[in-house]
Amino acid sequence: MRDTSTVVEKEELIDRVVEAVAQGSASSTPTPPDGYAPDTASGYYYSEASGLYWDPKSGGFYDGRSGLWYRWDAASAQFVEWKP
């Protein structure tokens, strides 16, 4: 949040808070991984290449064939089974 020490009017402070909340909401919107496109039927993002769905709310990956969920482990650079 920007410095509010120079704010004199209550309306200006409210404006700054509204602005900060709007910026926070925009920056917290997850970006889908490369190669994933919206799948309107499921509400997730789908990758033809991997065959996995990605859930932006949890960050998890779902394999519709096996019914298993995975998370990406950056340390090992692989998918790890995950139980949400």
Protein backbone atom coordinates (compact mmCIF):
# COMPACT_ATOMS: atom_id res chain seq x y z
CA MET A 1 0.00 0.00 0.00
CA ARG A 2 1.18 3.48 -0.72
CA ASP A 3 2.25 5.88 2.01
CA THR A 4 -0.81 7.40 3.68
CA SER A 5 1.00 9.85 5.96
CA THR A 6 0.05 12.78 3.72
CA VAL A 7 -3.66 11.91 3.59
CA VAL A 8 -5.78 14.61 5.16
CA GLU A 9 -9.29 13.82 3.98
CA LYS A 10 -11.16 10.64 4.88
CA GLU A 11 -12.40 10.31 1.28
CA GLU A 12 -8.82 10.27 -0.02
CA LEU A 13 -7.92 7.49 2.42
CA ILE A 14 -10.96 5.47 1.33
CA ASP A 15 -9.99 5.97 -2.33
CA ARG A 16 -6.50 4.65 -1.63
CA VAL A 17 -7.83 1.60 0.20
CA VAL A 18 -10.23 0.82 -2.66
CA GLU A 19 -7.36 1.19 -5.14
CA ALA A 20 -5.10 -1.11 -3.10
CA VAL A 21 -7.79 -3.78 -2.82
CA ALA A 22 -8.43 -3.64 -6.57
CA GLN A 23 -4.71 -4.00 -7.31
CA GLY A 24 -4.42 -6.90 -4.88
CA SER A 25 -7.36 -8.70 -6.47
CA ALA A 26 -5.90 -8.33 -9.95
CA SER A 27 -2.45 -9.52 -8.94
CA SER A 28 -3.78 -12.52 -7.01
CA THR A 29 -5.55 -13.98 -10.03
CA PRO A 30 -3.65 -17.18 -10.82
CA THR A 31 -2.13 -17.52 -14.26
CA PRO A 32 -2.60 -20.92 -15.85
CA PRO A 33 0.51 -22.92 -16.68
CA ASP A 34 1.80 -22.76 -20.25
CA GLY A 35 -0.24 -24.90 -22.60
CA TYR A 36 -3.42 -24.90 -20.47
CA ALA A 37 -6.62 -23.43 -21.92
CA PRO A 38 -10.03 -22.88 -20.29
CA ASP A 39 -12.31 -25.90 -20.43
CA THR A 40 -15.86 -24.62 -20.07
CA ALA A 41 -17.32 -28.09 -19.46
CA SER A 42 -15.22 -28.71 -16.35
CA GLY A 43 -14.51 -25.17 -15.16
CA TYR A 44 -10.80 -26.02 -15.05
CA TYR A 45 -7.99 -25.44 -17.53
CA TYR A 46 -6.96 -28.36 -19.75
CA SER A 47 -3.71 -29.30 -21.46
CA GLU A 48 -3.89 -31.48 -24.55
CA ALA A 49 -0.17 -32.27 -24.18
CA SER A 50 -0.31 -33.58 -20.60
CA GLY A 51 -3.94 -34.70 -20.52
CA LEU A 52 -4.28 -32.97 -17.14
CA TYR A 53 -6.73 -30.40 -15.82
CA TRP A 54 -5.51 -27.49 -13.69
CA ASP A 55 -7.64 -25.97 -10.92
CA PRO A 56 -6.81 -22.28 -10.37
CA LYS A 57 -8.37 -22.27 -6.90
CA SER A 58 -6.20 -25.03 -5.44
CA GLY A 59 -3.33 -25.03 -7.92
CA GLY A 60 -3.80 -28.78 -8.23
CA PHE A 61 -3.69 -30.88 -11.38
CA TYR A 62 -6.32 -33.54 -12.05
CA ASP A 63 -5.94 -36.63 -14.20
CA GLY A 64 -9.41 -37.52 -15.50
CA ARG A 65 -8.26 -40.97 -16.61
CA SER A 66 -7.04 -42.13 -13.21
CA GLY A 67 -9.14 -39.82 -11.04
CA LEU A 68 -6.03 -38.72 -9.13
CA TRP A 69 -4.95 -35.22 -8.14
CA TYR A 70 -1.36 -34.00 -8.33
CA ARG A 71 0.66 -30.98 -7.32
CA TRP A 72 3.83 -29.78 -9.01
CA ASP A 73 6.93 -30.24 -6.86
CA ALA A 74 9.48 -27.72 -8.12
CA ALA A 75 12.31 -29.25 -6.06
CA SER A 76 12.03 -32.62 -7.79
CA ALA A 77 10.60 -31.18 -11.04
CA GLN A 78 7.78 -33.71 -11.15
CA PHE A 79 4.12 -34.21 -10.32
CA VAL A 80 3.43 -35.70 -6.89
CA GLU A 81 0.14 -37.36 -5.96
CA TRP A 82 -1.94 -35.06 -3.81
CA LYS A 83 -5.12 -35.51 -1.82
CA PRO A 84 -6.96 -32.17 -1.70
